[in-house]
């Protein structure tokens, strides 16, 4: 639960930075349509990999998916 709390704090900080300093994430703007359009594909692949994998790989899939979600919400 502590990790989830840190994730929410980090997401909140990124969203605040985007609000007050929009140029902070300007380098991601060209990739925004690709990140947004691939949401369901990435979600289904991550869910499938999570179900098939063992513990260590599950954590890696979860971390990578959380990074993708952060990108999806921020851009």
PDB file of N, CA and C in Angstrom:
ATOM      1  N   UNK A   1       0.807  -1.192   0.000  1.00  0.00           N
ATOM      2  CA  UNK A   1       0.000   0.000   0.000  1.00  0.00           C
ATOM      3  C   UNK A   1       0.858   1.268   0.000  1.00  0.00           C
ATOM      4  N   UNK A   2       2.017   1.152   0.626  1.00  0.00           N
ATOM      5  CA  UNK A   2       2.899   2.305   0.679  1.00  0.00           C
ATOM      6  C   UNK A   2       3.364   2.707  -0.721  1.00  0.00           C
ATOM      7  N   UNK A   3       3.640   1.706  -1.557  1.00  0.00           N
ATOM      8  CA  UNK A   3       4.072   1.979  -2.930  1.00  0.00           C
ATOM      9  C   UNK A   3       2.969   2.672  -3.716  1.00  0.00           C
ATOM     10  N   UNK A   4       1.746   2.238  -3.531  1.00  0.00           N
ATOM     11  CA  UNK A   4       0.620   2.876  -4.196  1.00  0.00           C
ATOM     12  C   UNK A   4       0.479   4.329  -3.742  1.00  0.00           C
ATOM     13  N   UNK A   5       0.706   4.577  -2.472  1.00  0.00           N
ATOM     14  CA  UNK A   5       0.680   5.950  -1.961  1.00  0.00           C
ATOM     15  C   UNK A   5       1.742   6.817  -2.612  1.00  0.00           C
ATOM     16  N   UNK A   6       2.947   6.284  -2.738  1.00  0.00           N
ATOM     17  CA  UNK A   6       4.023   7.034  -3.399  1.00  0.00           C
ATOM     18  C   UNK A   6       3.690   7.284  -4.864  1.00  0.00           C
ATOM     19  N   UNK A   7       3.060   6.321  -5.501  1.00  0.00           N
ATOM     20  CA  UNK A   7       2.665   6.487  -6.894  1.00  0.00           C
ATOM     21  C   UNK A   7       1.664   7.628  -7.042  1.00  0.00           C
ATOM     22  N   UNK A   8       0.677   7.688  -6.150  1.00  0.00           N
ATOM     23  CA  UNK A   8      -0.302   8.766  -6.199  1.00  0.00           C
ATOM     24  C   UNK A   8       0.328  10.127  -5.917  1.00  0.00           C
ATOM     25  N   UNK A   9       1.266  10.175  -4.988  1.00  0.00           N
ATOM     26  CA  UNK A   9       1.963  11.438  -4.696  1.00  0.00           C
ATOM     27  C   UNK A   9       2.746  11.886  -5.927  1.00  0.00           C
ATOM     28  N   UNK A  10       3.456  10.964  -6.562  1.00  0.00           N
ATOM     29  CA  UNK A  10       4.232  11.292  -7.761  1.00  0.00           C
ATOM     30  C   UNK A  10       3.326  11.750  -8.892  1.00  0.00           C
ATOM     31  N   UNK A  11       2.207  11.069  -9.080  1.00  0.00           N
ATOM     32  CA  UNK A  11       1.251  11.460 -10.104  1.00  0.00           C
ATOM     33  C   UNK A  11       0.688  12.848  -9.827  1.00  0.00           C
ATOM     34  N   UNK A  12       0.352  13.119  -8.589  1.00  0.00           N
ATOM     35  CA  UNK A  12      -0.150  14.441  -8.217  1.00  0.00           C
ATOM     36  C   UNK A  12       0.867  15.535  -8.486  1.00  0.00           C
ATOM     37  N   UNK A  13       2.120  15.263  -8.169  1.00  0.00           N
ATOM     38  CA  UNK A  13       3.172  16.251  -8.436  1.00  0.00           C
ATOM     39  C   UNK A  13       3.336  16.492  -9.930  1.00  0.00           C
ATOM     40  N   UNK A  14       3.283  15.436 -10.723  1.00  0.00           N
ATOM     41  CA  UNK A  14       3.386  15.597 -12.173  1.00  0.00           C
ATOM     42  C   UNK A  14       2.213  16.396 -12.729  1.00  0.00           C
ATOM     43  N   UNK A  15       1.027  16.133 -12.229  1.00  0.00           N
ATOM     44  CA  UNK A  15      -0.140  16.877 -12.694  1.00  0.00           C
ATOM     45  C   UNK A  15      -0.065  18.348 -12.294  1.00  0.00           C
ATOM     46  N   UNK A  16       0.425  18.615 -11.091  1.00  0.00           N
ATOM     47  CA  UNK A  16       0.607  20.008 -10.668  1.00  0.00           C
ATOM     48  C   UNK A  16       1.667  20.706 -11.506  1.00  0.00           C
ATOM     49  N   UNK A  17       2.756  20.012 -11.788  1.00  0.00           N
ATOM     50  CA  UNK A  17       3.793  20.586 -12.640  1.00  0.00           C
ATOM     51  C   UNK A  17       3.256  20.893 -14.032  1.00  0.00           C
ATOM     52  N   UNK A  18       2.435  19.998 -14.549  1.00  0.00           N
ATOM     53  CA  UNK A  18       1.846  20.217 -15.864  1.00  0.00           C
ATOM     54  C   UNK A  18       0.927  21.437 -15.850  1.00  0.00           C
ATOM     55  N   UNK A  19       0.225  21.632 -14.742  1.00  0.00           N
ATOM     56  CA  UNK A  19      -0.697  22.756 -14.635  1.00  0.00           C
ATOM     57  C   UNK A  19       0.039  24.091 -14.538  1.00  0.00           C
ATOM     58  N   UNK A  20       1.058  24.136 -13.701  1.00  0.00           N
ATOM     59  CA  UNK A  20       1.745  25.400 -13.443  1.00  0.00           C
ATOM     60  C   UNK A  20       2.939  25.645 -14.347  1.00  0.00           C
ATOM     61  N   UNK A  21       3.504  24.595 -14.903  1.00  0.00           N
ATOM     62  CA  UNK A  21       4.677  24.711 -15.772  1.00  0.00           C
ATOM     63  C   UNK A  21       4.494  23.800 -16.974  1.00  0.00           C
ATOM     64  N   UNK A  22       3.646  24.191 -17.942  1.00  0.00           N
ATOM     65  CA  UNK A  22       3.327  23.291 -19.061  1.00  0.00           C
ATOM     66  C   UNK A  22       4.528  22.907 -19.916  1.00  0.00           C
ATOM     67  N   UNK A  23       5.544  23.721 -19.953  1.00  0.00           N
ATOM     68  CA  UNK A  23       6.712  23.389 -20.779  1.00  0.00           C
ATOM     69  C   UNK A  23       7.532  22.247 -20.192  1.00  0.00           C
ATOM     70  N   UNK A  24       7.266  21.890 -18.940  1.00  0.00           N
ATOM     71  CA  UNK A  24       7.999  20.811 -18.283  1.00  0.00           C
ATOM     72  C   UNK A  24       7.849  19.491 -19.047  1.00  0.00           C
ATOM     73  N   UNK A  25       6.657  19.241 -19.568  1.00  0.00           N
ATOM     74  CA  UNK A  25       6.404  18.002 -20.297  1.00  0.00           C
ATOM     75  C   UNK A  25       6.249  18.234 -21.788  1.00  0.00           C
ATOM     76  N   UNK A  26       6.782  19.324 -22.282  1.00  0.00           N
ATOM     77  CA  UNK A  26       6.666  19.650 -23.694  1.00  0.00           C
ATOM     78  C   UNK A  26       7.314  18.641 -24.619  1.00  0.00           C
ATOM     79  N   UNK A  27       8.349  17.988 -24.156  1.00  0.00           N
ATOM     80  CA  UNK A  27       9.040  17.010 -24.996  1.00  0.00           C
ATOM     81  C   UNK A  27       8.186  15.774 -25.243  1.00  0.00           C
ATOM     82  N   UNK A  28       7.113  15.563 -24.445  1.00  0.00           N
ATOM     83  CA  UNK A  28       6.224  14.426 -24.657  1.00  0.00           C
ATOM     84  C   UNK A  28       5.066  14.731 -25.603  1.00  0.00           C
ATOM     85  N   UNK A  29       4.837  15.995 -25.913  1.00  0.00           N
ATOM     86  CA  UNK A  29       3.697  16.394 -26.754  1.00  0.00           C
ATOM     87  C   UNK A  29       3.650  15.676 -28.099  1.00  0.00           C
ATOM     88  N   UNK A  30       4.767  15.498 -28.815  1.00  0.00           N
ATOM     89  CA  UNK A  30       4.675  14.803 -30.112  1.00  0.00           C
ATOM     90  C   UNK A  30       4.213  13.346 -29.977  1.00  0.00           C
ATOM     91  N   UNK A  31       4.419  12.746 -28.810  1.00  0.00           N
ATOM     92  CA  UNK A  31       4.073  11.338 -28.617  1.00  0.00           C
ATOM     93  C   UNK A  31       2.703  11.148 -27.985  1.00  0.00           C
ATOM     94  N   UNK A  32       2.025  12.222 -27.625  1.00  0.00           N
ATOM     95  CA  UNK A  32       0.742  12.137 -26.927  1.00  0.00           C
ATOM     96  C   UNK A  32      -0.306  11.322 -27.679  1.00  0.00           C
ATOM     97  N   UNK A  33      -0.499  11.527 -28.998  1.00  0.00           N
ATOM     98  CA  UNK A  33      -1.523  10.720 -29.681  1.00  0.00           C
ATOM     99  C   UNK A  33      -1.210   9.219 -29.667  1.00  0.00           C
ATOM    100  N   UNK A  34       0.058   8.880 -29.760  1.00  0.00           N
ATOM    101  CA  UNK A  34       0.442   7.471 -29.758  1.00  0.00           C
ATOM    102  C   UNK A  34       0.204   6.839 -28.387  1.00  0.00           C
ATOM    103  N   UNK A  35       0.499   7.591 -27.346  1.00  0.00           N
ATOM    104  CA  UNK A  35       0.290   7.099 -25.982  1.00  0.00           C
ATOM    105  C   UNK A  35      -1.199   6.916 -25.718  1.00  0.00           C
ATOM    106  N   UNK A  36      -2.009   7.883 -26.143  1.00  0.00           N
ATOM    107  CA  UNK A  36      -3.451   7.822 -25.900  1.00  0.00           C
ATOM    108  C   UNK A  36      -4.125   6.729 -26.732  1.00  0.00           C
ATOM    109  N   UNK A  37      -3.734   6.587 -27.986  1.00  0.00           N
ATOM    110  CA  UNK A  37      -4.383   5.616 -28.870  1.00  0.00           C
ATOM    111  C   UNK A  37      -4.064   4.168 -28.510  1.00  0.00           C
ATOM    112  N   UNK A  38      -2.942   3.938 -27.890  1.00  0.00           N
ATOM    113  CA  UNK A  38      -2.514   2.565 -27.596  1.00  0.00           C
ATOM    114  C   UNK A  38      -2.996   2.061 -26.238  1.00  0.00           C
ATOM    115  N   UNK A  39      -3.867   2.802 -25.580  1.00  0.00           N
ATOM    116  CA  UNK A  39      -4.245   2.465 -24.197  1.00  0.00           C
ATOM    117  C   UNK A  39      -4.793   1.048 -24.060  1.00  0.00           C
ATOM    118  N   UNK A  40      -5.821   0.689 -24.825  1.00  0.00           N
ATOM    119  CA  UNK A  40      -6.445  -0.623 -24.644  1.00  0.00           C
ATOM    120  C   UNK A  40      -5.520  -1.755 -25.063  1.00  0.00           C
ATOM    121  N   UNK A  41      -4.731  -1.554 -26.075  1.00  0.00           N
ATOM    122  CA  UNK A  41      -3.778  -2.587 -26.470  1.00  0.00           C
ATOM    123  C   UNK A  41      -2.739  -2.845 -25.396  1.00  0.00           C
ATOM    124  N   UNK A  42      -2.190  -1.771 -24.854  1.00  0.00           N
ATOM    125  CA  UNK A  42      -1.187  -1.908 -23.793  1.00  0.00           C
ATOM    126  C   UNK A  42      -1.816  -2.520 -22.552  1.00  0.00           C
ATOM    127  N   UNK A  43      -3.040  -2.129 -22.234  1.00  0.00           N
ATOM    128  CA  UNK A  43      -3.717  -2.664 -21.058  1.00  0.00           C
ATOM    129  C   UNK A  43      -3.956  -4.164 -21.188  1.00  0.00           C
ATOM    130  N   UNK A  44      -4.430  -4.601 -22.338  1.00  0.00           N
ATOM    131  CA  UNK A  44      -4.684  -6.032 -22.528  1.00  0.00           C
ATOM    132  C   UNK A  44      -3.404  -6.855 -22.527  1.00  0.00           C
ATOM    133  N   UNK A  45      -2.356  -6.338 -23.147  1.00  0.00           N
ATOM    134  CA  UNK A  45      -1.071  -7.052 -23.146  1.00  0.00           C
ATOM    135  C   UNK A  45      -0.512  -7.144 -21.730  1.00  0.00           C
ATOM    136  N   UNK A  46      -0.559  -6.039 -20.993  1.00  0.00           N
ATOM    137  CA  UNK A  46      -0.046  -6.045 -19.617  1.00  0.00           C
ATOM    138  C   UNK A  46      -0.851  -7.002 -18.742  1.00  0.00           C
ATOM    139  N   UNK A  47      -2.167  -7.005 -18.899  1.00  0.00           N
ATOM    140  CA  UNK A  47      -3.003  -7.911 -18.109  1.00  0.00           C
ATOM    141  C   UNK A  47      -2.698  -9.368 -18.443  1.00  0.00           C
ATOM    142  N   UNK A  48      -2.543  -9.677 -19.722  1.00  0.00           N
ATOM    143  CA  UNK A  48      -2.206 -11.040 -20.119  1.00  0.00           C
ATOM    144  C   UNK A  48      -0.855 -11.479 -19.596  1.00  0.00           C
ATOM    145  N   UNK A  49       0.139 -10.608 -19.709  1.00  0.00           N
ATOM    146  CA  UNK A  49       1.469 -10.938 -19.187  1.00  0.00           C
ATOM    147  C   UNK A  49       1.436 -11.108 -17.671  1.00  0.00           C
ATOM    148  N   UNK A  50       0.647 -10.286 -17.007  1.00  0.00           N
ATOM    149  CA  UNK A  50       0.542 -10.372 -15.551  1.00  0.00           C
ATOM    150  C   UNK A  50      -0.059 -11.713 -15.132  1.00  0.00           C
ATOM    151  N   UNK A  51      -1.053 -12.167 -15.860  1.00  0.00           N
ATOM    152  CA  UNK A  51      -1.686 -13.438 -15.518  1.00  0.00           C
ATOM    153  C   UNK A  51      -0.791 -14.633 -15.813  1.00  0.00           C
ATOM    154  N   UNK A  52       0.035 -14.552 -16.831  1.00  0.00           N
ATOM    155  CA  UNK A  52       0.878 -15.682 -17.219  1.00  0.00           C
ATOM    156  C   UNK A  52       2.191 -15.753 -16.457  1.00  0.00           C
ATOM    157  N   UNK A  53       2.642 -14.675 -15.873  1.00  0.00           N
ATOM    158  CA  UNK A  53       3.996 -14.603 -15.329  1.00  0.00           C
ATOM    159  C   UNK A  53       4.075 -15.067 -13.873  1.00  0.00           C
ATOM    160  N   UNK A  54       5.294 -15.276 -13.452  1.00  0.00           N
ATOM    161  CA  UNK A  54       5.579 -15.614 -12.059  1.00  0.00           C
ATOM    162  C   UNK A  54       5.791 -14.316 -11.264  1.00  0.00           C
ATOM    163  N   UNK A  55       6.110 -14.425  -9.995  1.00  0.00           N
ATOM    164  CA  UNK A  55       6.147 -13.272  -9.092  1.00  0.00           C
ATOM    165  C   UNK A  55       7.080 -12.148  -9.531  1.00  0.00           C
ATOM    166  N   UNK A  56       8.326 -12.455  -9.844  1.00  0.00           N
ATOM    167  CA  UNK A  56       9.290 -11.399 -10.188  1.00  0.00           C
ATOM    168  C   UNK A  56       8.890 -10.688 -11.478  1.00  0.00           C
ATOM    169  N   UNK A  57       8.437 -11.458 -12.449  1.00  0.00           N
ATOM    170  CA  UNK A  57       8.031 -10.868 -13.722  1.00  0.00           C
ATOM    171  C   UNK A  57       6.741 -10.073 -13.546  1.00  0.00           C
ATOM    172  N   UNK A  58       5.856 -10.529 -12.663  1.00  0.00           N
ATOM    173  CA  UNK A  58       4.616  -9.806 -12.381  1.00  0.00           C
ATOM    174  C   UNK A  58       4.915  -8.407 -11.874  1.00  0.00           C
ATOM    175  N   UNK A  59       5.875  -8.296 -10.991  1.00  0.00           N
ATOM    176  CA  UNK A  59       6.232  -6.984 -10.447  1.00  0.00           C
ATOM    177  C   UNK A  59       6.785  -6.083 -11.547  1.00  0.00           C
ATOM    178  N   UNK A  60       7.588  -6.647 -12.431  1.00  0.00           N
ATOM    179  CA  UNK A  60       8.145  -5.859 -13.530  1.00  0.00           C
ATOM    180  C   UNK A  60       7.039  -5.384 -14.469  1.00  0.00           C
ATOM    181  N   UNK A  61       6.095  -6.281 -14.787  1.00  0.00           N
ATOM    182  CA  UNK A  61       4.975  -5.903 -15.646  1.00  0.00           C
ATOM    183  C   UNK A  61       4.149  -4.820 -14.978  1.00  0.00           C
ATOM    184  N   UNK A  62       3.912  -4.952 -13.695  1.00  0.00           N
ATOM    185  CA  UNK A  62       3.142  -3.956 -12.955  1.00  0.00           C
ATOM    186  C   UNK A  62       3.837  -2.604 -12.938  1.00  0.00           C
ATOM    187  N   UNK A  63       5.132  -2.591 -12.729  1.00  0.00           N
ATOM    188  CA  UNK A  63       5.886  -1.334 -12.714  1.00  0.00           C
ATOM    189  C   UNK A  63       5.854  -0.679 -14.094  1.00  0.00           C
ATOM    190  N   UNK A  64       6.074  -1.454 -15.141  1.00  0.00           N
ATOM    191  CA  UNK A  64       6.044  -0.896 -16.492  1.00  0.00           C
ATOM    192  C   UNK A  64       4.657  -0.363 -16.853  1.00  0.00           C
ATOM    193  N   UNK A  65       3.621  -1.065 -16.430  1.00  0.00           N
ATOM    194  CA  UNK A  65       2.268  -0.594 -16.709  1.00  0.00           C
ATOM    195  C   UNK A  65       1.959   0.681 -15.930  1.00  0.00           C
ATOM    196  N   UNK A  66       2.434   0.777 -14.712  1.00  0.00           N
ATOM    197  CA  UNK A  66       2.230   2.004 -13.929  1.00  0.00           C
ATOM    198  C   UNK A  66       2.936   3.190 -14.583  1.00  0.00           C
ATOM    199  N   UNK A  67       4.118   2.958 -15.139  1.00  0.00           N
ATOM    200  CA  UNK A  67       4.818   4.025 -15.854  1.00  0.00           C
ATOM    201  C   UNK A  67       4.009   4.451 -17.070  1.00  0.00           C
ATOM    202  N   UNK A  68       3.449   3.483 -17.788  1.00  0.00           N
ATOM    203  CA  UNK A  68       2.614   3.821 -18.936  1.00  0.00           C
ATOM    204  C   UNK A  68       1.382   4.611 -18.494  1.00  0.00           C
ATOM    205  N   UNK A  69       0.753   4.201 -17.403  1.00  0.00           N
ATOM    206  CA  UNK A  69      -0.419   4.940 -16.917  1.00  0.00           C
ATOM    207  C   UNK A  69      -0.073   6.370 -16.521  1.00  0.00           C
ATOM    208  N   UNK A  70       1.091   6.531 -15.921  1.00  0.00           N
ATOM    209  CA  UNK A  70       1.528   7.896 -15.585  1.00  0.00           C
ATOM    210  C   UNK A  70       1.672   8.731 -16.856  1.00  0.00           C
ATOM    211  N   UNK A  71       2.281   8.167 -17.862  1.00  0.00           N
ATOM    212  CA  UNK A  71       2.415   8.885 -19.140  1.00  0.00           C
ATOM    213  C   UNK A  71       1.045   9.190 -19.735  1.00  0.00           C
ATOM    214  N   UNK A  72       0.145   8.225 -19.670  1.00  0.00           N
ATOM    215  CA  UNK A  72      -1.189   8.390 -20.234  1.00  0.00           C
ATOM    216  C   UNK A  72      -1.946   9.517 -19.524  1.00  0.00           C
ATOM    217  N   UNK A  73      -1.836   9.573 -18.221  1.00  0.00           N
ATOM    218  CA  UNK A  73      -2.567  10.596 -17.479  1.00  0.00           C
ATOM    219  C   UNK A  73      -1.940  11.981 -17.567  1.00  0.00           C
ATOM    220  N   UNK A  74      -0.648  12.047 -17.754  1.00  0.00           N
ATOM    221  CA  UNK A  74       0.045  13.329 -17.752  1.00  0.00           C
ATOM    222  C   UNK A  74       0.009  13.998 -19.116  1.00  0.00           C
ATOM    223  N   UNK A  75       0.061  13.210 -20.205  1.00  0.00           N
ATOM    224  CA  UNK A  75       0.117  13.843 -21.523  1.00  0.00           C
ATOM    225  C   UNK A  75      -1.223  14.281 -22.025  1.00  0.00           C
TER     226      UNK A  75
END
